[in-house]
């Protein structure tokens, strides 16, 4: 029962993250590329109540070479809800940097919400492609056997010989650095899918080897069922429960891989945003110590990965009759 509660909690977290990412134009207080250079590295603003929420404007001051922001308490700027097509916002010159701003004065919360469109969708699209390739290759290999099986499995073993991260870097190096963000997004998705399908194909192949000897499959053959119908209607659907759980547990790896590429400057590039490239400045120890709020994208990555793992563990237990009985 504990895993089921964690799975429900993970599903709620993921639903909230995907909902805000899809409707980023509504939930984000600013656009992802709105810059306010004079407010670079602005700390998170404090929200006050009287009883309506409001914030103060902040003036920039320098003390011994250190940039500080001091609230100007002469005027209150009330937070406006459902204003200008967004959930909330404030009038100029005040800013509602709930999680602070980055080195260009861009709202970190807004960039995290917009960045979720990239970081969250890469995992879903990539795993969908991997599922298709893994199910097709594993099913064909296990059902036909012989030379077909040898060819597919040797290809799988060849791909699995290489460390996935270095293989991902090598495949990325094939493409020019000066690609548009849309092209980079598509390319990263394809690369991650290409790396992810072999392990699934190997497991599906083993399951198909067992399933093709079942009585209902032999009965379908004796009744004259053609090969594609038997494979795709009677055998592969029996592997879907494993495939779904495997996909759920694999998505965090796709998110982390995209984040790693973007962190190294090989993925999504400025001014477009993903959780990975937002962490680029966090590689500087001095920036991280002076402006710890730039680590917020990393926290969102950790929360997302944990939520997917909770959901995957819960699905695995629910689809396992023995564990369901014990629960």
C-alpha atoms as a PDB file:
ATOM      1  CA  UNK A   1       0.000   0.000   0.000  1.00  0.00           C
ATOM      2  CA  UNK A   2       2.900   2.356   0.690  1.00  0.00           C
ATOM      3  CA  UNK A   3       4.121   2.098  -2.916  1.00  0.00           C
ATOM      4  CA  UNK A   4       0.598   2.719  -4.174  1.00  0.00           C
ATOM      5  CA  UNK A   5       0.410   5.963  -2.155  1.00  0.00           C
ATOM      6  CA  UNK A   6       3.819   7.027  -3.436  1.00  0.00           C
ATOM      7  CA  UNK A   7       2.723   6.204  -6.992  1.00  0.00           C
ATOM      8  CA  UNK A   8      -0.369   8.379  -6.567  1.00  0.00           C
ATOM      9  CA  UNK A   9       1.774  11.171  -5.132  1.00  0.00           C
ATOM     10  CA  UNK A  10       4.193  10.869  -8.069  1.00  0.00           C
ATOM     11  CA  UNK A  11       1.314  10.927 -10.557  1.00  0.00           C
ATOM     12  CA  UNK A  12      -0.091  14.115  -8.987  1.00  0.00           C
ATOM     13  CA  UNK A  13       3.316  15.809  -9.112  1.00  0.00           C
ATOM     14  CA  UNK A  14       3.811  14.823 -12.763  1.00  0.00           C
ATOM     15  CA  UNK A  15       0.306  15.944 -13.694  1.00  0.00           C
ATOM     16  CA  UNK A  16       0.990  19.363 -12.161  1.00  0.00           C
ATOM     17  CA  UNK A  17       4.360  19.679 -13.914  1.00  0.00           C
ATOM     18  CA  UNK A  18       3.032  18.690 -17.339  1.00  0.00           C
ATOM     19  CA  UNK A  19      -0.049  20.898 -16.924  1.00  0.00           C
ATOM     20  CA  UNK A  20       2.022  23.987 -16.127  1.00  0.00           C
ATOM     21  CA  UNK A  21       4.439  23.211 -18.971  1.00  0.00           C
ATOM     22  CA  UNK A  22       1.656  22.806 -21.542  1.00  0.00           C
ATOM     23  CA  UNK A  23      -0.011  26.050 -20.456  1.00  0.00           C
ATOM     24  CA  UNK A  24       3.234  27.895 -19.744  1.00  0.00           C
ATOM     25  CA  UNK A  25       1.949  31.065 -21.407  1.00  0.00           C
ATOM     26  CA  UNK A  26      -0.706  31.243 -18.694  1.00  0.00           C
ATOM     27  CA  UNK A  27       1.116  30.025 -15.582  1.00  0.00           C
ATOM     28  CA  UNK A  28       4.465  31.800 -16.109  1.00  0.00           C
ATOM     29  CA  UNK A  29       4.469  35.446 -14.963  1.00  0.00           C
ATOM     30  CA  UNK A  30       6.912  36.407 -17.753  1.00  0.00           C
ATOM     31  CA  UNK A  31       8.036  35.098 -21.110  1.00  0.00           C
ATOM     32  CA  UNK A  32      11.124  32.883 -21.114  1.00  0.00           C
ATOM     33  CA  UNK A  33      13.183  35.553 -22.922  1.00  0.00           C
ATOM     34  CA  UNK A  34      12.040  38.676 -21.028  1.00  0.00           C
ATOM     35  CA  UNK A  35      15.246  40.335 -19.834  1.00  0.00           C
ATOM     36  CA  UNK A  36      15.704  43.026 -17.209  1.00  0.00           C
ATOM     37  CA  UNK A  37      19.472  43.441 -17.156  1.00  0.00           C
ATOM     38  CA  UNK A  38      19.411  45.909 -14.276  1.00  0.00           C
ATOM     39  CA  UNK A  39      17.772  43.174 -12.157  1.00  0.00           C
ATOM     40  CA  UNK A  40      20.353  40.466 -12.955  1.00  0.00           C
ATOM     41  CA  UNK A  41      20.727  37.925 -10.143  1.00  0.00           C
ATOM     42  CA  UNK A  42      17.786  39.412  -8.298  1.00  0.00           C
ATOM     43  CA  UNK A  43      17.090  37.332  -5.162  1.00  0.00           C
ATOM     44  CA  UNK A  44      13.625  35.819  -4.638  1.00  0.00           C
ATOM     45  CA  UNK A  45      11.166  38.550  -3.710  1.00  0.00           C
ATOM     46  CA  UNK A  46       9.253  38.403  -0.466  1.00  0.00           C
ATOM     47  CA  UNK A  47       5.468  38.395  -0.756  1.00  0.00           C
ATOM     48  CA  UNK A  48       3.580  40.423   1.858  1.00  0.00           C
ATOM     49  CA  UNK A  49      -0.124  40.400   2.778  1.00  0.00           C
ATOM     50  CA  UNK A  50      -2.496  43.118   4.022  1.00  0.00           C
ATOM     51  CA  UNK A  51      -4.689  41.021   3.380  1.00  0.00           C
ATOM     52  CA  UNK A  52      -4.098  41.023  -0.398  1.00  0.00           C
ATOM     53  CA  UNK A  53      -0.640  39.880  -1.528  1.00  0.00           C
ATOM     54  CA  UNK A  54       1.818  42.543  -2.635  1.00  0.00           C
ATOM     55  CA  UNK A  55       5.527  43.060  -3.253  1.00  0.00           C
ATOM     56  CA  UNK A  56       7.961  45.952  -3.145  1.00  0.00           C
ATOM     57  CA  UNK A  57      10.213  47.270  -5.840  1.00  0.00           C
ATOM     58  CA  UNK A  58      13.934  46.816  -5.166  1.00  0.00           C
ATOM     59  CA  UNK A  59      16.755  49.265  -5.772  1.00  0.00           C
ATOM     60  CA  UNK A  60      20.257  48.145  -6.654  1.00  0.00           C
ATOM     61  CA  UNK A  61      23.093  49.103  -4.310  1.00  0.00           C
ATOM     62  CA  UNK A  62      26.754  48.186  -4.135  1.00  0.00           C
ATOM     63  CA  UNK A  63      28.559  47.636  -0.850  1.00  0.00           C
ATOM     64  CA  UNK A  64      32.301  46.954  -1.099  1.00  0.00           C
ATOM     65  CA  UNK A  65      31.828  45.743  -4.649  1.00  0.00           C
ATOM     66  CA  UNK A  66      28.974  43.377  -3.755  1.00  0.00           C
ATOM     67  CA  UNK A  67      25.644  43.919  -5.494  1.00  0.00           C
ATOM     68  CA  UNK A  68      22.642  44.026  -3.161  1.00  0.00           C
ATOM     69  CA  UNK A  69      18.919  44.648  -3.605  1.00  0.00           C
ATOM     70  CA  UNK A  70      17.093  46.792  -1.050  1.00  0.00           C
ATOM     71  CA  UNK A  71      13.271  46.955  -0.948  1.00  0.00           C
ATOM     72  CA  UNK A  72      11.676  50.336  -1.532  1.00  0.00           C
ATOM     73  CA  UNK A  73       8.866  50.320   1.019  1.00  0.00           C
ATOM     74  CA  UNK A  74       7.328  53.635  -0.063  1.00  0.00           C
ATOM     75  CA  UNK A  75       4.878  51.938  -2.418  1.00  0.00           C
ATOM     76  CA  UNK A  76       3.128  48.587  -2.472  1.00  0.00           C
ATOM     77  CA  UNK A  77       2.631  46.721  -5.752  1.00  0.00           C
ATOM     78  CA  UNK A  78      -0.328  44.393  -5.441  1.00  0.00           C
ATOM     79  CA  UNK A  79      -0.247  41.077  -7.266  1.00  0.00           C
ATOM     80  CA  UNK A  80      -2.846  41.008 -10.028  1.00  0.00           C
ATOM     81  CA  UNK A  81      -4.447  37.687 -10.902  1.00  0.00           C
ATOM     82  CA  UNK A  82      -5.697  36.761 -14.381  1.00  0.00           C
ATOM     83  CA  UNK A  83      -4.131  39.879 -15.835  1.00  0.00           C
ATOM     84  CA  UNK A  84      -2.833  40.216 -19.412  1.00  0.00           C
ATOM     85  CA  UNK A  85      -3.502  36.549 -20.163  1.00  0.00           C
ATOM     86  CA  UNK A  86      -1.371  35.264 -17.277  1.00  0.00           C
ATOM     87  CA  UNK A  87      -2.231  33.753 -13.917  1.00  0.00           C
ATOM     88  CA  UNK A  88      -0.549  36.524 -11.941  1.00  0.00           C
ATOM     89  CA  UNK A  89       1.754  39.508 -12.296  1.00  0.00           C
ATOM     90  CA  UNK A  90       2.601  42.971 -10.973  1.00  0.00           C
ATOM     91  CA  UNK A  91       2.862  46.424 -12.469  1.00  0.00           C
ATOM     92  CA  UNK A  92       6.187  47.942 -13.447  1.00  0.00           C
ATOM     93  CA  UNK A  93       8.696  48.822 -12.117  1.00  0.00           C
ATOM     94  CA  UNK A  94       8.224  46.077  -9.531  1.00  0.00           C
ATOM     95  CA  UNK A  95       8.953  42.451 -10.424  1.00  0.00           C
ATOM     96  CA  UNK A  96       7.599  39.229  -9.041  1.00  0.00           C
ATOM     97  CA  UNK A  97      10.711  37.058  -9.103  1.00  0.00           C
ATOM     98  CA  UNK A  98       9.384  34.286  -6.841  1.00  0.00           C
ATOM     99  CA  UNK A  99      12.490  32.131  -7.407  1.00  0.00           C
ATOM    100  CA  UNK A 100      14.818  35.014  -8.257  1.00  0.00           C
ATOM    101  CA  UNK A 101      16.328  35.984 -11.601  1.00  0.00           C
ATOM    102  CA  UNK A 102      19.290  34.719 -13.610  1.00  0.00           C
ATOM    103  CA  UNK A 103      22.414  36.443 -14.987  1.00  0.00           C
ATOM    104  CA  UNK A 104      20.371  38.274 -17.640  1.00  0.00           C
ATOM    105  CA  UNK A 105      17.603  39.368 -15.301  1.00  0.00           C
ATOM    106  CA  UNK A 106      15.162  36.728 -16.540  1.00  0.00           C
ATOM    107  CA  UNK A 107      12.612  35.246 -14.156  1.00  0.00           C
ATOM    108  CA  UNK A 108      13.797  31.778 -13.111  1.00  0.00           C
ATOM    109  CA  UNK A 109      10.294  30.474 -12.364  1.00  0.00           C
ATOM    110  CA  UNK A 110       9.070  31.462 -15.828  1.00  0.00           C
ATOM    111  CA  UNK A 111      12.083  29.848 -17.499  1.00  0.00           C
ATOM    112  CA  UNK A 112      11.594  26.674 -15.461  1.00  0.00           C
ATOM    113  CA  UNK A 113       7.951  26.477 -16.561  1.00  0.00           C
ATOM    114  CA  UNK A 114       8.837  27.064 -20.222  1.00  0.00           C
ATOM    115  CA  UNK A 115      11.865  24.775 -19.931  1.00  0.00           C
ATOM    116  CA  UNK A 116       9.576  21.994 -18.772  1.00  0.00           C
ATOM    117  CA  UNK A 117       8.174  21.857 -22.298  1.00  0.00           C
ATOM    118  CA  UNK A 118      11.579  20.656 -23.498  1.00  0.00           C
ATOM    119  CA  UNK A 119      12.806  18.622 -20.548  1.00  0.00           C
ATOM    120  CA  UNK A 120       9.521  16.822 -19.905  1.00  0.00           C
ATOM    121  CA  UNK A 121       8.511  16.179 -23.524  1.00  0.00           C
ATOM    122  CA  UNK A 122      11.921  14.773 -24.535  1.00  0.00           C
ATOM    123  CA  UNK A 123      11.357  11.851 -22.167  1.00  0.00           C
ATOM    124  CA  UNK A 124       7.847  11.082 -23.425  1.00  0.00           C
ATOM    125  CA  UNK A 125       8.612  11.337 -27.144  1.00  0.00           C
ATOM    126  CA  UNK A 126      11.942   9.535 -26.795  1.00  0.00           C
ATOM    127  CA  UNK A 127      10.475   6.630 -24.835  1.00  0.00           C
ATOM    128  CA  UNK A 128       7.598   6.330 -27.326  1.00  0.00           C
ATOM    129  CA  UNK A 129      10.099   5.863 -30.155  1.00  0.00           C
ATOM    130  CA  UNK A 130      12.173   3.465 -28.038  1.00  0.00           C
ATOM    131  CA  UNK A 131       9.080   1.432 -27.173  1.00  0.00           C
ATOM    132  CA  UNK A 132       8.141   1.103 -30.823  1.00  0.00           C
ATOM    133  CA  UNK A 133      11.663   0.042 -31.848  1.00  0.00           C
ATOM    134  CA  UNK A 134      12.172  -2.238 -28.852  1.00  0.00           C
ATOM    135  CA  UNK A 135       8.827  -4.014 -29.208  1.00  0.00           C
ATOM    136  CA  UNK A 136       9.199  -4.431 -32.962  1.00  0.00           C
ATOM    137  CA  UNK A 137      12.827  -5.606 -32.887  1.00  0.00           C
ATOM    138  CA  UNK A 138      12.380  -7.842 -29.837  1.00  0.00           C
ATOM    139  CA  UNK A 139       9.135  -9.319 -31.141  1.00  0.00           C
ATOM    140  CA  UNK A 140      10.479 -10.089 -34.617  1.00  0.00           C
ATOM    141  CA  UNK A 141      13.745 -11.452 -33.223  1.00  0.00           C
ATOM    142  CA  UNK A 142      12.081 -13.750 -30.694  1.00  0.00           C
ATOM    143  CA  UNK A 143       9.309 -14.961 -32.986  1.00  0.00           C
ATOM    144  CA  UNK A 144      11.338 -15.799 -36.098  1.00  0.00           C
ATOM    145  CA  UNK A 145      14.595 -16.866 -34.440  1.00  0.00           C
ATOM    146  CA  UNK A 146      17.476 -18.152 -36.564  1.00  0.00           C
ATOM    147  CA  UNK A 147      19.383 -15.653 -38.694  1.00  0.00           C
ATOM    148  CA  UNK A 148      16.901 -12.878 -37.921  1.00  0.00           C
ATOM    149  CA  UNK A 149      17.420 -13.383 -34.210  1.00  0.00           C
ATOM    150  CA  UNK A 150      21.205 -13.420 -34.603  1.00  0.00           C
ATOM    151  CA  UNK A 151      21.267 -10.198 -36.620  1.00  0.00           C
ATOM    152  CA  UNK A 152      19.051  -8.267 -34.212  1.00  0.00           C
ATOM    153  CA  UNK A 153      20.739  -9.536 -31.063  1.00  0.00           C
ATOM    154  CA  UNK A 154      24.256  -8.878 -32.353  1.00  0.00           C
ATOM    155  CA  UNK A 155      23.174  -5.317 -33.175  1.00  0.00           C
ATOM    156  CA  UNK A 156      21.695  -4.961 -29.687  1.00  0.00           C
ATOM    157  CA  UNK A 157      24.855  -6.286 -28.055  1.00  0.00           C
ATOM    158  CA  UNK A 158      26.998  -3.963 -30.164  1.00  0.00           C
ATOM    159  CA  UNK A 159      25.032  -0.908 -29.071  1.00  0.00           C
ATOM    160  CA  UNK A 160      25.017  -2.029 -25.441  1.00  0.00           C
ATOM    161  CA  UNK A 161      28.802  -2.417 -25.451  1.00  0.00           C
ATOM    162  CA  UNK A 162      29.281   1.346 -25.518  1.00  0.00           C
ATOM    163  CA  UNK A 163      28.668   3.445 -22.388  1.00  0.00           C
ATOM    164  CA  UNK A 164      25.431   5.250 -23.146  1.00  0.00           C
ATOM    165  CA  UNK A 165      26.623   8.731 -22.178  1.00  0.00           C
ATOM    166  CA  UNK A 166      29.745   8.582 -24.350  1.00  0.00           C
ATOM    167  CA  UNK A 167      27.754   7.111 -27.220  1.00  0.00           C
ATOM    168  CA  UNK A 168      25.312   9.994 -26.832  1.00  0.00           C
ATOM    169  CA  UNK A 169      28.170  12.523 -26.974  1.00  0.00           C
ATOM    170  CA  UNK A 170      29.631  10.821 -30.045  1.00  0.00           C
ATOM    171  CA  UNK A 171      26.307  10.886 -31.869  1.00  0.00           C
ATOM    172  CA  UNK A 172      25.810  14.542 -30.926  1.00  0.00           C
ATOM    173  CA  UNK A 173      29.264  15.386 -32.323  1.00  0.00           C
ATOM    174  CA  UNK A 174      28.125  14.197 -35.767  1.00  0.00           C
ATOM    175  CA  UNK A 175      25.770  17.177 -36.037  1.00  0.00           C
ATOM    176  CA  UNK A 176      26.951  20.808 -36.377  1.00  0.00           C
ATOM    177  CA  UNK A 177      26.929  22.995 -33.272  1.00  0.00           C
ATOM    178  CA  UNK A 178      25.132  25.848 -35.074  1.00  0.00           C
ATOM    179  CA  UNK A 179      21.779  24.081 -35.349  1.00  0.00           C
ATOM    180  CA  UNK A 180      18.481  25.755 -34.550  1.00  0.00           C
ATOM    181  CA  UNK A 181      16.900  24.896 -31.215  1.00  0.00           C
ATOM    182  CA  UNK A 182      14.077  23.037 -32.974  1.00  0.00           C
ATOM    183  CA  UNK A 183      16.568  20.895 -34.884  1.00  0.00           C
ATOM    184  CA  UNK A 184      18.576  20.276 -31.722  1.00  0.00           C
ATOM    185  CA  UNK A 185      15.412  19.211 -29.886  1.00  0.00           C
ATOM    186  CA  UNK A 186      14.476  16.715 -32.608  1.00  0.00           C
ATOM    187  CA  UNK A 187      18.042  15.466 -32.852  1.00  0.00           C
ATOM    188  CA  UNK A 188      18.368  14.911 -29.084  1.00  0.00           C
ATOM    189  CA  UNK A 189      15.062  13.035 -29.000  1.00  0.00           C
ATOM    190  CA  UNK A 190      16.157  10.727 -31.825  1.00  0.00           C
ATOM    191  CA  UNK A 191      19.579  10.117 -30.234  1.00  0.00           C
ATOM    192  CA  UNK A 192      18.062   9.230 -26.853  1.00  0.00           C
ATOM    193  CA  UNK A 193      15.549   6.902 -28.501  1.00  0.00           C
ATOM    194  CA  UNK A 194      18.320   5.240 -30.519  1.00  0.00           C
ATOM    195  CA  UNK A 195      20.317   4.588 -27.354  1.00  0.00           C
ATOM    196  CA  UNK A 196      17.337   3.432 -25.292  1.00  0.00           C
ATOM    197  CA  UNK A 197      15.714   0.718 -27.412  1.00  0.00           C
ATOM    198  CA  UNK A 198      18.328  -2.132 -27.285  1.00  0.00           C
ATOM    199  CA  UNK A 199      17.844  -3.095 -23.624  1.00  0.00           C
ATOM    200  CA  UNK A 200      14.064  -3.204 -24.048  1.00  0.00           C
ATOM    201  CA  UNK A 201      14.357  -5.246 -27.246  1.00  0.00           C
ATOM    202  CA  UNK A 202      16.475  -7.851 -25.466  1.00  0.00           C
ATOM    203  CA  UNK A 203      13.911  -8.369 -22.692  1.00  0.00           C
ATOM    204  CA  UNK A 204      10.962  -8.413 -25.110  1.00  0.00           C
ATOM    205  CA  UNK A 205      12.772 -10.999 -27.224  1.00  0.00           C
ATOM    206  CA  UNK A 206      13.059 -13.308 -24.193  1.00  0.00           C
ATOM    207  CA  UNK A 207       9.381 -12.870 -23.352  1.00  0.00           C
ATOM    208  CA  UNK A 208       8.346 -13.597 -26.949  1.00  0.00           C
ATOM    209  CA  UNK A 209      10.439 -16.792 -26.967  1.00  0.00           C
ATOM    210  CA  UNK A 210       8.341 -17.998 -24.040  1.00  0.00           C
ATOM    211  CA  UNK A 211       4.995 -16.705 -25.291  1.00  0.00           C
ATOM    212  CA  UNK A 212       5.205 -18.199 -28.781  1.00  0.00           C
ATOM    213  CA  UNK A 213       5.104 -21.701 -27.268  1.00  0.00           C
ATOM    214  CA  UNK A 214       1.803 -21.033 -25.434  1.00  0.00           C
ATOM    215  CA  UNK A 215      -1.303 -22.981 -26.369  1.00  0.00           C
ATOM    216  CA  UNK A 216      -3.294 -20.018 -27.650  1.00  0.00           C
ATOM    217  CA  UNK A 217      -0.488 -19.117 -30.067  1.00  0.00           C
ATOM    218  CA  UNK A 218      -0.282 -22.685 -31.349  1.00  0.00           C
ATOM    219  CA  UNK A 219      -4.076 -22.667 -31.723  1.00  0.00           C
ATOM    220  CA  UNK A 220      -3.926 -19.453 -33.745  1.00  0.00           C
ATOM    221  CA  UNK A 221      -1.297 -21.004 -36.028  1.00  0.00           C
ATOM    222  CA  UNK A 222      -3.381 -24.147 -36.529  1.00  0.00           C
ATOM    223  CA  UNK A 223      -6.363 -22.009 -37.520  1.00  0.00           C
ATOM    224  CA  UNK A 224      -4.334 -20.411 -40.277  1.00  0.00           C
ATOM    225  CA  UNK A 225      -3.548 -17.066 -38.620  1.00  0.00           C
ATOM    226  CA  UNK A 226      -0.919 -15.121 -40.507  1.00  0.00           C
ATOM    227  CA  UNK A 227       2.417 -14.249 -38.900  1.00  0.00           C
ATOM    228  CA  UNK A 228       1.855 -10.515 -38.414  1.00  0.00           C
ATOM    229  CA  UNK A 229      -1.560 -11.066 -36.823  1.00  0.00           C
ATOM    230  CA  UNK A 230      -0.237 -13.664 -34.396  1.00  0.00           C
ATOM    231  CA  UNK A 231       2.792 -11.554 -33.454  1.00  0.00           C
ATOM    232  CA  UNK A 232       1.166  -8.143 -33.126  1.00  0.00           C
ATOM    233  CA  UNK A 233      -2.239  -9.184 -31.826  1.00  0.00           C
ATOM    234  CA  UNK A 234      -1.637 -12.285 -29.724  1.00  0.00           C
ATOM    235  CA  UNK A 235       1.992 -12.137 -28.531  1.00  0.00           C
ATOM    236  CA  UNK A 236       3.238  -8.544 -28.214  1.00  0.00           C
ATOM    237  CA  UNK A 237       0.164  -7.320 -26.270  1.00  0.00           C
ATOM    238  CA  UNK A 238       1.153  -9.777 -23.537  1.00  0.00           C
ATOM    239  CA  UNK A 239       4.386  -7.813 -23.073  1.00  0.00           C
ATOM    240  CA  UNK A 240       2.712  -4.418 -22.696  1.00  0.00           C
ATOM    241  CA  UNK A 241       2.523  -4.536 -18.880  1.00  0.00           C
ATOM    242  CA  UNK A 242       6.297  -4.922 -18.657  1.00  0.00           C
ATOM    243  CA  UNK A 243       6.862  -2.361 -21.420  1.00  0.00           C
ATOM    244  CA  UNK A 244       4.722   0.267 -19.667  1.00  0.00           C
ATOM    245  CA  UNK A 245       6.539  -0.147 -16.360  1.00  0.00           C
ATOM    246  CA  UNK A 246       9.916  -0.168 -18.102  1.00  0.00           C
ATOM    247  CA  UNK A 247       9.030   2.997 -20.013  1.00  0.00           C
ATOM    248  CA  UNK A 248       7.917   4.802 -16.864  1.00  0.00           C
ATOM    249  CA  UNK A 249      11.158   3.924 -15.089  1.00  0.00           C
ATOM    250  CA  UNK A 250      13.248   4.850 -18.159  1.00  0.00           C
ATOM    251  CA  UNK A 251      11.868   8.346 -18.738  1.00  0.00           C
ATOM    252  CA  UNK A 252      13.998   9.873 -15.923  1.00  0.00           C
ATOM    253  CA  UNK A 253      17.105   8.677 -17.770  1.00  0.00           C
ATOM    254  CA  UNK A 254      16.002  10.568 -20.880  1.00  0.00           C
ATOM    255  CA  UNK A 255      15.377  13.729 -18.859  1.00  0.00           C
ATOM    256  CA  UNK A 256      18.783  13.479 -17.187  1.00  0.00           C
ATOM    257  CA  UNK A 257      20.507  12.826 -20.524  1.00  0.00           C
ATOM    258  CA  UNK A 258      18.936  15.879 -22.150  1.00  0.00           C
ATOM    259  CA  UNK A 259      19.836  17.950 -19.104  1.00  0.00           C
ATOM    260  CA  UNK A 260      23.438  16.736 -19.250  1.00  0.00           C
ATOM    261  CA  UNK A 261      23.766  17.626 -22.940  1.00  0.00           C
ATOM    262  CA  UNK A 262      22.252  21.070 -22.420  1.00  0.00           C
ATOM    263  CA  UNK A 263      24.408  21.623 -19.326  1.00  0.00           C
ATOM    264  CA  UNK A 264      27.515  20.970 -21.424  1.00  0.00           C
ATOM    265  CA  UNK A 265      26.304  23.347 -24.142  1.00  0.00           C
ATOM    266  CA  UNK A 266      25.538  20.545 -26.612  1.00  0.00           C
ATOM    267  CA  UNK A 267      21.763  20.600 -26.277  1.00  0.00           C
ATOM    268  CA  UNK A 268      19.186  23.370 -26.135  1.00  0.00           C
ATOM    269  CA  UNK A 269      20.937  26.732 -26.426  1.00  0.00           C
ATOM    270  CA  UNK A 270      20.131  30.300 -25.391  1.00  0.00           C
ATOM    271  CA  UNK A 271      17.801  32.097 -25.507  1.00  0.00           C
ATOM    272  CA  UNK A 272      15.587  28.983 -25.483  1.00  0.00           C
ATOM    273  CA  UNK A 273      15.384  27.232 -22.194  1.00  0.00           C
ATOM    274  CA  UNK A 274      15.538  23.758 -20.734  1.00  0.00           C
ATOM    275  CA  UNK A 275      16.290  22.703 -17.192  1.00  0.00           C
ATOM    276  CA  UNK A 276      19.734  21.558 -18.261  1.00  0.00           C
ATOM    277  CA  UNK A 277      20.991  24.750 -19.855  1.00  0.00           C
ATOM    278  CA  UNK A 278      19.619  26.777 -16.935  1.00  0.00           C
ATOM    279  CA  UNK A 279      22.124  24.967 -14.708  1.00  0.00           C
ATOM    280  CA  UNK A 280      25.073  26.033 -16.850  1.00  0.00           C
ATOM    281  CA  UNK A 281      25.989  28.935 -14.572  1.00  0.00           C
ATOM    282  CA  UNK A 282      25.723  26.658 -11.531  1.00  0.00           C
ATOM    283  CA  UNK A 283      28.975  25.048 -12.716  1.00  0.00           C
ATOM    284  CA  UNK A 284      30.696  28.152 -11.336  1.00  0.00           C
ATOM    285  CA  UNK A 285      31.260  27.724  -7.599  1.00  0.00           C
ATOM    286  CA  UNK A 286      31.341  31.486  -7.019  1.00  0.00           C
ATOM    287  CA  UNK A 287      28.031  32.049  -8.825  1.00  0.00           C
ATOM    288  CA  UNK A 288      26.432  29.182  -6.924  1.00  0.00           C
ATOM    289  CA  UNK A 289      27.627  30.526  -3.568  1.00  0.00           C
ATOM    290  CA  UNK A 290      26.555  34.106  -4.247  1.00  0.00           C
ATOM    291  CA  UNK A 291      23.280  33.244  -5.983  1.00  0.00           C
ATOM    292  CA  UNK A 292      22.098  29.832  -4.686  1.00  0.00           C
ATOM    293  CA  UNK A 293      18.654  30.275  -6.279  1.00  0.00           C
ATOM    294  CA  UNK A 294      20.140  29.385  -9.682  1.00  0.00           C
ATOM    295  CA  UNK A 295      20.008  25.750  -8.479  1.00  0.00           C
ATOM    296  CA  UNK A 296      16.208  25.661  -8.669  1.00  0.00           C
ATOM    297  CA  UNK A 297      16.168  23.872 -12.074  1.00  0.00           C
ATOM    298  CA  UNK A 298      18.208  21.060 -10.503  1.00  0.00           C
ATOM    299  CA  UNK A 299      15.607  20.702  -7.764  1.00  0.00           C
ATOM    300  CA  UNK A 300      12.865  20.400 -10.384  1.00  0.00           C
ATOM    301  CA  UNK A 301      14.896  17.697 -12.168  1.00  0.00           C
ATOM    302  CA  UNK A 302      15.274  15.754  -8.914  1.00  0.00           C
ATOM    303  CA  UNK A 303      11.573  16.060  -8.093  1.00  0.00           C
ATOM    304  CA  UNK A 304      10.571  14.901 -11.589  1.00  0.00           C
ATOM    305  CA  UNK A 305      12.940  11.926 -11.540  1.00  0.00           C
ATOM    306  CA  UNK A 306      11.695  10.899  -8.080  1.00  0.00           C
ATOM    307  CA  UNK A 307       8.045  11.243  -9.181  1.00  0.00           C
ATOM    308  CA  UNK A 308       8.596   9.002 -12.207  1.00  0.00           C
ATOM    309  CA  UNK A 309      10.364   6.426 -10.036  1.00  0.00           C
ATOM    310  CA  UNK A 310       7.509   6.455  -7.502  1.00  0.00           C
ATOM    311  CA  UNK A 311       4.993   6.011 -10.313  1.00  0.00           C
ATOM    312  CA  UNK A 312       7.015   3.250 -11.972  1.00  0.00           C
ATOM    313  CA  UNK A 313       7.467   1.314  -8.722  1.00  0.00           C
ATOM    314  CA  UNK A 314       3.760   1.570  -7.999  1.00  0.00           C
ATOM    315  CA  UNK A 315       2.791   0.392 -11.479  1.00  0.00           C
ATOM    316  CA  UNK A 316       5.227  -2.509 -11.204  1.00  0.00           C
ATOM    317  CA  UNK A 317       3.682  -3.615  -7.909  1.00  0.00           C
ATOM    318  CA  UNK A 318       0.130  -3.249  -9.207  1.00  0.00           C
ATOM    319  CA  UNK A 319       0.918  -5.305 -12.310  1.00  0.00           C
ATOM    320  CA  UNK A 320       2.620  -8.017 -10.239  1.00  0.00           C
ATOM    321  CA  UNK A 321      -0.154 -10.291  -8.904  1.00  0.00           C
ATOM    322  CA  UNK A 322       1.972 -11.587  -6.014  1.00  0.00           C
ATOM    323  CA  UNK A 323       2.845  -8.120  -4.745  1.00  0.00           C
ATOM    324  CA  UNK A 324      -0.684  -6.902  -5.216  1.00  0.00           C
ATOM    325  CA  UNK A 325      -1.908  -9.828  -3.073  1.00  0.00           C
ATOM    326  CA  UNK A 326       0.672  -9.055  -0.379  1.00  0.00           C
ATOM    327  CA  UNK A 327      -0.316  -5.366  -0.402  1.00  0.00           C
END
